[in-house]
PDB file of N, CA and C in Angstrom:
ATOM      1  N   MET A   1     -11.963   8.479 -40.206  1.00  0.00           N
ATOM      2  CA  MET A   1     -11.520   6.614 -39.335  1.00  0.00           C
ATOM      3  C   MET A   1     -10.574   7.314 -37.925  1.00  0.00           C
ATOM      4  N   LEU A   2      -9.506   8.568 -39.038  1.00  0.00           N
ATOM      5  CA  LEU A   2      -8.192   8.824 -38.302  1.00  0.00           C
ATOM      6  C   LEU A   2      -8.429  10.124 -36.572  1.00  0.00           C
ATOM      7  N   SER A   3      -9.545  11.154 -37.170  1.00  0.00           N
ATOM      8  CA  SER A   3     -10.564  12.117 -36.665  1.00  0.00           C
ATOM      9  C   SER A   3     -11.374  11.512 -35.428  1.00  0.00           C
ATOM     10  N   GLN A   4     -11.561  10.264 -35.818  1.00  0.00           N
ATOM     11  CA  GLN A   4     -12.022   8.893 -34.779  1.00  0.00           C
ATOM     12  C   GLN A   4     -11.289   8.984 -34.318  1.00  0.00           C
ATOM     13  N   LEU A   5     -10.113   8.336 -34.038  1.00  0.00           N
ATOM     14  CA  LEU A   5      -9.582   7.429 -33.221  1.00  0.00           C
ATOM     15  C   LEU A   5      -8.231   8.658 -32.547  1.00  0.00           C
ATOM     16  N   GLN A   6      -8.282   9.977 -33.246  1.00  0.00           N
ATOM     17  CA  GLN A   6      -6.658  10.796 -32.060  1.00  0.00           C
ATOM     18  C   GLN A   6      -7.935  10.739 -30.735  1.00  0.00           C
ATOM     19  N   PHE A   7      -8.374  10.987 -30.041  1.00  0.00           N
ATOM     20  CA  PHE A   7      -8.500  10.783 -28.385  1.00  0.00           C
ATOM     21  C   PHE A   7      -7.996   9.170 -27.887  1.00  0.00           C
ATOM     22  N   ILE A   8      -6.964   9.031 -29.025  1.00  0.00           N
ATOM     23  CA  ILE A   8      -6.962   8.331 -27.770  1.00  0.00           C
ATOM     24  C   ILE A   8      -4.937   7.880 -28.127  1.00  0.00           C
ATOM     25  N   GLY A   9      -4.394   9.100 -27.964  1.00  0.00           N
ATOM     26  CA  GLY A   9      -3.366   9.967 -27.940  1.00  0.00           C
ATOM     27  C   GLY A   9      -2.614  10.014 -29.244  1.00  0.00           C
ATOM     28  N   PRO A  10      -1.556  10.296 -29.195  1.00  0.00           N
ATOM     29  CA  PRO A  10      -0.317  10.837 -30.268  1.00  0.00           C
ATOM     30  C   PRO A  10       0.417   9.674 -31.240  1.00  0.00           C
ATOM     31  N   ASP A  11       0.620   8.030 -29.918  1.00  0.00           N
ATOM     32  CA  ASP A  11       1.649   7.245 -29.703  1.00  0.00           C
ATOM     33  C   ASP A  11       0.119   6.155 -31.010  1.00  0.00           C
ATOM     34  N   ILE A  12      -0.598   6.325 -31.356  1.00  0.00           N
ATOM     35  CA  ILE A  12      -1.455   5.272 -32.678  1.00  0.00           C
ATOM     36  C   ILE A  12      -0.343   4.475 -33.023  1.00  0.00           C
ATOM     37  N   ARG A  13      -0.359   3.459 -33.509  1.00  0.00           N
ATOM     38  CA  ARG A  13       0.403   2.722 -35.235  1.00  0.00           C
ATOM     39  C   ARG A  13      -1.309   1.483 -35.598  1.00  0.00           C
ATOM     40  N   SER A  14      -0.553   1.385 -37.251  1.00  0.00           N
ATOM     41  CA  SER A  14      -1.479  -0.133 -37.703  1.00  0.00           C
ATOM     42  C   SER A  14      -0.636  -0.555 -38.086  1.00  0.00           C
ATOM     43  N   GLY A  15      -1.173  -1.447 -38.329  1.00  0.00           N
ATOM     44  CA  GLY A  15      -0.259  -2.867 -38.748  1.00  0.00           C
ATOM     45  C   GLY A  15      -0.379  -3.769 -40.276  1.00  0.00           C
ATOM     46  N   ALA A  16       0.836  -3.649 -40.383  1.00  0.00           N
ATOM     47  CA  ALA A  16       0.383  -4.602 -42.557  1.00  0.00           C
ATOM     48  C   ALA A  16       1.364  -5.923 -42.561  1.00  0.00           C
ATOM     49  N   VAL A  17       1.041  -6.512 -43.022  1.00  0.00           N
ATOM     50  CA  VAL A  17       2.151  -7.391 -43.427  1.00  0.00           C
ATOM     51  C   VAL A  17       2.195  -7.571 -45.777  1.00  0.00           C
ATOM     52  N   ILE A  18       2.881  -6.136 -46.120  1.00  0.00           N
ATOM     53  CA  ILE A  18       2.822  -6.960 -47.638  1.00  0.00           C
ATOM     54  C   ILE A  18       3.992  -8.433 -48.256  1.00  0.00           C
ATOM     55  N   ALA A  19       2.833  -9.072 -49.486  1.00  0.00           N
ATOM     56  CA  ALA A  19       3.991  -9.560 -49.930  1.00  0.00           C
ATOM     57  C   ALA A  19       3.468  -8.728 -51.357  1.00  0.00           C
ATOM     58  N   MET A  20       5.567  -9.181 -51.994  1.00  0.00           N
ATOM     59  CA  MET A  20       4.994  -8.514 -52.652  1.00  0.00           C
ATOM     60  C   MET A  20       5.300 -10.284 -53.656  1.00  0.00           C
ATOM     61  N   GLN A  21       4.615  -9.870 -55.331  1.00  0.00           N
ATOM     62  CA  GLN A  21       4.284 -11.201 -56.088  1.00  0.00           C
ATOM     63  C   GLN A  21       4.358 -10.609 -57.204  1.00  0.00           C
ATOM     64  N   THR A  22       5.424 -11.913 -58.039  1.00  0.00           N
ATOM     65  CA  THR A  22       5.924 -11.519 -59.322  1.00  0.00           C
ATOM     66  C   THR A  22       5.283 -12.185 -60.612  1.00  0.00           C
ATOM     67  N   PHE A  23       4.598 -13.295 -59.604  1.00  0.00           N
ATOM     68  CA  PHE A  23       3.598 -13.888 -60.387  1.00  0.00           C
ATOM     69  C   PHE A  23       2.305 -14.363 -60.970  1.00  0.00           C
ATOM     70  N   GLY A  24       2.132 -15.333 -62.248  1.00  0.00           N
ATOM     71  CA  GLY A  24       0.480 -15.342 -61.448  1.00  0.00           C
ATOM     72  C   GLY A  24       0.101 -16.429 -62.360  1.00  0.00           C
ATOM     73  N   ASP A  25      -1.391 -16.757 -62.756  1.00  0.00           N
ATOM     74  CA  ASP A  25      -1.041 -18.728 -62.858  1.00  0.00           C
ATOM     75  C   ASP A  25      -0.030 -19.422 -64.492  1.00  0.00           C
ATOM     76  N   PHE A  26      -0.033 -19.895 -64.263  1.00  0.00           N
ATOM     77  CA  PHE A  26       1.116 -20.487 -65.154  1.00  0.00           C
ATOM     78  C   PHE A  26       2.736 -20.015 -65.075  1.00  0.00           C
ATOM     79  N   LEU A  27       2.993 -19.300 -64.232  1.00  0.00           N
ATOM     80  CA  LEU A  27       3.810 -18.586 -63.667  1.00  0.00           C
ATOM     81  C   LEU A  27       3.842 -17.366 -65.382  1.00  0.00           C
ATOM     82  N   GLY A  28       3.371 -17.401 -65.402  1.00  0.00           N
ATOM     83  CA  GLY A  28       3.317 -15.831 -66.393  1.00  0.00           C
ATOM     84  C   GLY A  28       3.788 -13.849 -64.901  1.00  0.00           C
ATOM     85  N   PHE A  29       3.974 -13.356 -65.811  1.00  0.00           N
ATOM     86  CA  PHE A  29       4.752 -12.514 -65.143  1.00  0.00           C
ATOM     87  C   PHE A  29       3.400 -11.924 -65.278  1.00  0.00           C
ATOM     88  N   ASN A  30       3.231 -11.108 -63.433  1.00  0.00           N
ATOM     89  CA  ASN A  30       2.470 -10.337 -62.850  1.00  0.00           C
ATOM     90  C   ASN A  30       2.401  -9.966 -61.393  1.00  0.00           C
ATOM     91  N   PRO A  31       2.895  -8.879 -61.643  1.00  0.00           N
ATOM     92  CA  PRO A  31       3.431  -8.164 -61.125  1.00  0.00           C
ATOM     93  C   PRO A  31       2.624  -7.358 -59.493  1.00  0.00           C
ATOM     94  N   HIS A  32       2.043  -7.759 -58.668  1.00  0.00           N
ATOM     95  CA  HIS A  32       0.787  -7.064 -58.207  1.00  0.00           C
ATOM     96  C   HIS A  32       1.605  -7.662 -55.898  1.00  0.00           C
ATOM     97  N   THR A  33       0.729  -7.530 -55.686  1.00  0.00           N
ATOM     98  CA  THR A  33       0.815  -7.568 -53.867  1.00  0.00           C
ATOM     99  C   THR A  33      -0.034  -8.050 -53.145  1.00  0.00           C
ATOM    100  N   HIS A  34      -0.308  -8.701 -51.667  1.00  0.00           N
ATOM    101  CA  HIS A  34      -1.049  -9.688 -50.869  1.00  0.00           C
ATOM    102  C   HIS A  34      -0.720  -8.773 -49.556  1.00  0.00           C
ATOM    103  N   ILE A  35      -2.357  -8.102 -49.385  1.00  0.00           N
ATOM    104  CA  ILE A  35      -2.054  -7.137 -47.831  1.00  0.00           C
ATOM    105  C   ILE A  35      -2.697  -8.015 -46.981  1.00  0.00           C
ATOM    106  N   LEU A  36      -2.757  -8.293 -46.358  1.00  0.00           N
ATOM    107  CA  LEU A  36      -3.449  -8.176 -45.098  1.00  0.00           C
ATOM    108  C   LEU A  36      -3.451  -6.876 -44.372  1.00  0.00           C
ATOM    109  N   ALA A  37      -3.516  -6.453 -43.030  1.00  0.00           N
ATOM    110  CA  ALA A  37      -3.912  -4.706 -42.640  1.00  0.00           C
ATOM    111  C   ALA A  37      -5.132  -5.016 -41.065  1.00  0.00           C
ATOM    112  N   THR A  38      -4.395  -4.730 -40.481  1.00  0.00           N
ATOM    113  CA  THR A  38      -5.754  -4.497 -39.595  1.00  0.00           C
ATOM    114  C   THR A  38      -6.712  -3.277 -39.242  1.00  0.00           C
ATOM    115  N   ASP A  39      -8.097  -4.134 -38.642  1.00  0.00           N
ATOM    116  CA  ASP A  39      -9.443  -3.394 -38.894  1.00  0.00           C
ATOM    117  C   ASP A  39      -9.012  -1.747 -37.562  1.00  0.00           C
ATOM    118  N   GLY A  40      -7.766  -1.390 -37.232  1.00  0.00           N
ATOM    119  CA  GLY A  40      -7.461  -0.156 -36.252  1.00  0.00           C
ATOM    120  C   GLY A  40      -6.266   0.011 -36.036  1.00  0.00           C
ATOM    121  N   CYS A  41      -6.466   0.159 -34.593  1.00  0.00           N
ATOM    122  CA  CYS A  41      -5.023   0.998 -34.462  1.00  0.00           C
ATOM    123  C   CYS A  41      -3.923   0.374 -32.951  1.00  0.00           C
ATOM    124  N   PHE A  42      -3.132  -0.234 -33.151  1.00  0.00           N
ATOM    125  CA  PHE A  42      -2.385  -0.360 -31.889  1.00  0.00           C
ATOM    126  C   PHE A  42      -2.311   0.605 -30.914  1.00  0.00           C
ATOM    127  N   TYR A  43      -3.067   0.850 -29.676  1.00  0.00           N
ATOM    128  CA  TYR A  43      -2.377   2.686 -28.443  1.00  0.00           C
ATOM    129  C   TYR A  43      -1.786   1.640 -27.353  1.00  0.00           C
ATOM    130  N   GLY A  44      -0.951   2.933 -27.032  1.00  0.00           N
ATOM    131  CA  GLY A  44      -0.134   2.117 -25.546  1.00  0.00           C
ATOM    132  C   GLY A  44       0.502   1.140 -24.896  1.00  0.00           C
ATOM    133  N   ASN A  45       0.802   1.213 -24.076  1.00  0.00           N
ATOM    134  CA  ASN A  45       2.832   0.767 -23.991  1.00  0.00           C
ATOM    135  C   ASN A  45       2.114  -1.118 -23.737  1.00  0.00           C
ATOM    136  N   LYS A  46       0.429  -1.352 -23.872  1.00  0.00           N
ATOM    137  CA  LYS A  46       0.557  -2.908 -23.732  1.00  0.00           C
ATOM    138  C   LYS A  46      -0.297  -3.235 -24.563  1.00  0.00           C
ATOM    139  N   GLY A  47       0.337  -2.455 -25.311  1.00  0.00           N
ATOM    140  CA  GLY A  47      -0.330  -2.891 -26.577  1.00  0.00           C
ATOM    141  C   GLY A  47      -1.746  -3.469 -27.395  1.00  0.00           C
ATOM    142  N   MET A  48      -2.879  -2.073 -26.492  1.00  0.00           N
ATOM    143  CA  MET A  48      -4.110  -2.169 -26.899  1.00  0.00           C
ATOM    144  C   MET A  48      -4.753  -1.804 -28.046  1.00  0.00           C
ATOM    145  N   PHE A  49      -4.757  -2.511 -28.561  1.00  0.00           N
ATOM    146  CA  PHE A  49      -6.001  -3.117 -29.384  1.00  0.00           C
ATOM    147  C   PHE A  49      -7.861  -1.935 -29.782  1.00  0.00           C
ATOM    148  N   ARG A  50      -8.091  -1.440 -30.448  1.00  0.00           N
ATOM    149  CA  ARG A  50      -8.716  -0.414 -30.942  1.00  0.00           C
ATOM    150  C   ARG A  50      -9.040  -0.175 -32.261  1.00  0.00           C
ATOM    151  N   VAL A  51     -10.756  -1.093 -32.161  1.00  0.00           N
ATOM    152  CA  VAL A  51     -11.076  -1.415 -33.496  1.00  0.00           C
ATOM    153  C   VAL A  51     -11.561  -0.377 -34.627  1.00  0.00           C
ATOM    154  N   ALA A  52     -10.955   0.041 -35.766  1.00  0.00           N
ATOM    155  CA  ALA A  52     -12.501   1.599 -36.579  1.00  0.00           C
ATOM    156  C   ALA A  52     -13.055   1.020 -37.297  1.00  0.00           C
ATOM    157  N   PRO A  53     -13.997   1.995 -36.659  1.00  0.00           N
ATOM    158  CA  PRO A  53     -15.211   2.678 -36.881  1.00  0.00           C
ATOM    159  C   PRO A  53     -15.116   1.656 -38.927  1.00  0.00           C
ATOM    160  N   PRO A  54     -17.090   1.254 -38.447  1.00  0.00           N
ATOM    161  CA  PRO A  54     -17.004   0.508 -40.054  1.00  0.00           C
ATOM    162  C   PRO A  54     -16.762   1.708 -41.247  1.00  0.00           C
ATOM    163  N   LEU A  55     -15.937   0.909 -42.526  1.00  0.00           N
ATOM    164  CA  LEU A  55     -16.056   1.805 -43.924  1.00  0.00           C
ATOM    165  C   LEU A  55     -17.535   1.403 -43.861  1.00  0.00           C
ATOM    166  N   GLU A  56     -17.347   3.519 -44.843  1.00  0.00           N
ATOM    167  CA  GLU A  56     -19.481   3.790 -45.316  1.00  0.00           C
ATOM    168  C   GLU A  56     -19.341   3.176 -46.846  1.00  0.00           C
ATOM    169  N   LEU A  57     -19.349   2.138 -47.036  1.00  0.00           N
ATOM    170  CA  LEU A  57     -19.115   0.752 -48.803  1.00  0.00           C
ATOM    171  C   LEU A  57     -20.172   1.648 -49.623  1.00  0.00           C
ATOM    172  N   LYS A  58     -20.857   2.663 -49.997  1.00  0.00           N
ATOM    173  CA  LYS A  58     -21.193   4.394 -50.666  1.00  0.00           C
ATOM    174  C   LYS A  58     -20.069   5.309 -50.812  1.00  0.00           C
ATOM    175  N   LYS A  59     -19.677   5.467 -50.170  1.00  0.00           N
ATOM    176  CA  LYS A  59     -18.416   6.183 -50.241  1.00  0.00           C
ATOM    177  C   LYS A  59     -17.346   5.970 -51.099  1.00  0.00           C
ATOM    178  N   LEU A  60     -16.461   4.129 -50.449  1.00  0.00           N
ATOM    179  CA  LEU A  60     -15.591   3.411 -50.515  1.00  0.00           C
ATOM    180  C   LEU A  60     -16.026   3.158 -52.457  1.00  0.00           C
ATOM    181  N   GLU A  61     -17.377   3.117 -53.051  1.00  0.00           N
ATOM    182  CA  GLU A  61     -17.610   2.929 -54.277  1.00  0.00           C
ATOM    183  C   GLU A  61     -17.240   4.260 -55.079  1.00  0.00           C
ATOM    184  N   ALA A  62     -18.064   5.209 -54.715  1.00  0.00           N
ATOM    185  CA  ALA A  62     -18.253   6.618 -55.333  1.00  0.00           C
ATOM    186  C   ALA A  62     -16.228   6.580 -55.438  1.00  0.00           C
ATOM    187  N   ILE A  63     -15.383   6.744 -55.073  1.00  0.00           N
ATOM    188  CA  ILE A  63     -14.070   6.468 -54.765  1.00  0.00           C
ATOM    189  C   ILE A  63     -12.716   5.860 -56.075  1.00  0.00           C
ATOM    190  N   PHE A  64     -13.620   4.448 -56.251  1.00  0.00           N
ATOM    191  CA  PHE A  64     -13.182   3.225 -56.407  1.00  0.00           C
ATOM    192  C   PHE A  64     -14.214   3.702 -57.968  1.00  0.00           C
ATOM    193  N   GLN A  65     -15.187   3.935 -58.486  1.00  0.00           N
ATOM    194  CA  GLN A  65     -15.960   4.542 -59.980  1.00  0.00           C
ATOM    195  C   GLN A  65     -15.269   5.024 -60.275  1.00  0.00           C
ATOM    196  N   LEU A  66     -15.406   6.829 -59.459  1.00  0.00           N
ATOM    197  CA  LEU A  66     -14.920   7.512 -60.334  1.00  0.00           C
ATOM    198  C   LEU A  66     -12.661   7.247 -60.413  1.00  0.00           C
ATOM    199  N   LYS A  67     -11.922   6.010 -59.810  1.00  0.00           N
ATOM    200  CA  LYS A  67     -10.680   6.171 -59.569  1.00  0.00           C
ATOM    201  C   LYS A  67     -10.477   5.101 -61.459  1.00  0.00           C
ATOM    202  N   TYR A  68     -11.110   4.669 -61.401  1.00  0.00           N
ATOM    203  CA  TYR A  68     -11.922   3.525 -62.343  1.00  0.00           C
ATOM    204  C   TYR A  68     -12.235   4.063 -64.607  1.00  0.00           C
ATOM    205  N   ALA A  69     -13.097   5.570 -63.980  1.00  0.00           N
ATOM    206  CA  ALA A  69     -13.310   6.479 -64.947  1.00  0.00           C
ATOM    207  C   ALA A  69     -12.505   6.908 -65.239  1.00  0.00           C
ATOM    208  N   CYS A  70     -11.759   7.346 -64.952  1.00  0.00           N
ATOM    209  CA  CYS A  70     -10.272   8.586 -64.478  1.00  0.00           C
ATOM    210  C   CYS A  70      -9.266   8.251 -66.032  1.00  0.00           C
ATOM    211  N   GLN A  71      -8.686   6.604 -64.764  1.00  0.00           N
ATOM    212  CA  GLN A  71      -8.446   6.131 -65.332  1.00  0.00           C
ATOM    213  C   GLN A  71      -8.147   6.163 -67.051  1.00  0.00           C
ATOM    214  N   GLU A  72     -10.114   5.007 -66.940  1.00  0.00           N
ATOM    215  CA  GLU A  72      -9.735   4.968 -68.830  1.00  0.00           C
ATOM    216  C   GLU A  72     -10.033   6.358 -69.687  1.00  0.00           C
ATOM    217  N   HIS A  73     -10.335   6.870 -68.726  1.00  0.00           N
ATOM    218  CA  HIS A  73     -10.305   8.629 -69.954  1.00  0.00           C
ATOM    219  C   HIS A  73      -8.852   8.949 -70.237  1.00  0.00           C
ATOM    220  N   ILE A  74      -8.143   8.602 -69.508  1.00  0.00           N
ATOM    221  CA  ILE A  74      -7.559   8.860 -69.601  1.00  0.00           C
ATOM    222  C   ILE A  74      -6.466   8.094 -70.679  1.00  0.00           C
ATOM    223  N   GLU A  75      -6.748   7.004 -70.100  1.00  0.00           N
ATOM    224  CA  GLU A  75      -5.989   5.672 -70.714  1.00  0.00           C
ATOM    225  C   GLU A  75      -6.533   6.356 -73.126  1.00  0.00           C
ATOM    226  N   MET A  76      -7.583   6.393 -72.719  1.00  0.00           N
ATOM    227  CA  MET A  76      -8.353   6.663 -74.026  1.00  0.00           C
ATOM    228  C   MET A  76      -8.156   7.524 -74.755  1.00  0.00           C
ATOM    229  N   SER A  77      -7.352   8.802 -74.002  1.00  0.00           N
ATOM    230  CA  SER A  77      -6.363  10.001 -74.448  1.00  0.00           C
ATOM    231  C   SER A  77      -4.999  10.271 -75.117  1.00  0.00           C
ATOM    232  N   GLY A  78      -4.681   8.769 -74.971  1.00  0.00           N
ATOM    233  CA  GLY A  78      -3.779   8.657 -75.735  1.00  0.00           C
ATOM    234  C   GLY A  78      -2.247   8.891 -73.915  1.00  0.00           C
ATOM    235  N   PHE A  79      -2.452   8.832 -73.449  1.00  0.00           N
ATOM    236  CA  PHE A  79      -1.453   8.971 -72.077  1.00  0.00           C
ATOM    237  C   PHE A  79      -0.645   7.621 -72.993  1.00  0.00           C
ATOM    238  N   VAL A  80       0.808   7.849 -71.777  1.00  0.00           N
ATOM    239  CA  VAL A  80       1.296   6.731 -71.679  1.00  0.00           C
ATOM    240  C   VAL A  80       1.049   6.407 -70.052  1.00  0.00           C
ATOM    241  N   ALA A  81       1.477   4.669 -69.854  1.00  0.00           N
ATOM    242  CA  ALA A  81       1.847   4.814 -68.174  1.00  0.00           C
ATOM    243  C   ALA A  81       2.393   5.334 -67.802  1.00  0.00           C
ATOM    244  N   HIS A  82       3.684   5.761 -67.801  1.00  0.00           N
ATOM    245  CA  HIS A  82       4.464   6.701 -66.292  1.00  0.00           C
ATOM    246  C   HIS A  82       3.433   7.822 -66.486  1.00  0.00           C
ATOM    247  N   GLU A  83       2.788   8.068 -67.674  1.00  0.00           N
ATOM    248  CA  GLU A  83       1.844   9.470 -67.110  1.00  0.00           C
ATOM    249  C   GLU A  83       0.807   9.562 -66.356  1.00  0.00           C
ATOM    250  N   LEU A  84       0.698   8.397 -66.472  1.00  0.00           N
ATOM    251  CA  LEU A  84      -0.533   8.211 -65.708  1.00  0.00           C
ATOM    252  C   LEU A  84      -0.471   7.816 -64.247  1.00  0.00           C
ATOM    253  N   SER A  85       0.779   6.951 -64.250  1.00  0.00           N
ATOM    254  CA  SER A  85       0.945   6.758 -62.686  1.00  0.00           C
ATOM    255  C   SER A  85       1.226   7.726 -61.544  1.00  0.00           C
ATOM    256  N   ALA A  86       1.796   9.096 -62.227  1.00  0.00           N
ATOM    257  CA  ALA A  86       2.011  10.301 -61.848  1.00  0.00           C
ATOM    258  C   ALA A  86       0.879  10.955 -61.490  1.00  0.00           C
ATOM    259  N   LEU A  87      -0.761  11.295 -61.324  1.00  0.00           N
ATOM    260  CA  LEU A  87      -1.517  11.488 -61.018  1.00  0.00           C
ATOM    261  C   LEU A  87      -2.247  10.753 -60.002  1.00  0.00           C
ATOM    262  N   SER A  88      -2.536  11.202 -59.859  1.00  0.00           N
ATOM    263  CA  SER A  88      -3.625  10.499 -58.327  1.00  0.00           C
ATOM    264  C   SER A  88      -5.135  11.754 -57.934  1.00  0.00           C
ATOM    265  N   VAL A  89      -6.172  10.332 -57.198  1.00  0.00           N
ATOM    266  CA  VAL A  89      -7.314  10.594 -57.267  1.00  0.00           C
ATOM    267  C   VAL A  89      -7.290  11.325 -55.892  1.00  0.00           C
ATOM    268  N   PRO A  90      -8.030  12.458 -55.058  1.00  0.00           N
ATOM    269  CA  PRO A  90      -7.359  12.731 -53.715  1.00  0.00           C
ATOM    270  C   PRO A  90      -8.075  11.463 -53.493  1.00  0.00           C
ATOM    271  N   LEU A  91      -8.647  10.714 -52.283  1.00  0.00           N
ATOM    272  CA  LEU A  91      -9.343  10.327 -51.359  1.00  0.00           C
ATOM    273  C   LEU A  91     -10.236  10.534 -50.273  1.00  0.00           C
ATOM    274  N   GLU A  92     -10.651  12.419 -50.197  1.00  0.00           N
ATOM    275  CA  GLU A  92     -11.626  12.598 -49.484  1.00  0.00           C
ATOM    276  C   GLU A  92     -13.444  12.460 -49.998  1.00  0.00           C
TER     277      GLU A  92
END
C-alpha cells in the first residue's frame, strides 16, 4: 500500500484516534483499545486526502491465521506472557 502512495510526495500523513479502556462488561478488568483510523492519507498544504487501495482480504486472513497459530503453539510450549510479547510476526 505504501509503495502505491509514494508518488504523492514525502509529506504524507495518516490519521488515527486511539482510546485505551481498562474495563469490560460489568466493570471487570479487561484492558483493550478502540481505534479509528483513516483509510488513506492526507497530503499537501491544503489537506488533500488520498484513499488507500482496498486490502487484499485473503492476504490479511493468512497473516492473522499465522499469528494465532504461532501464538497457540508458543503458549502450549510453556512460554510465559513476557516472552510471548517479545516475539513478533512479520506482516509481509
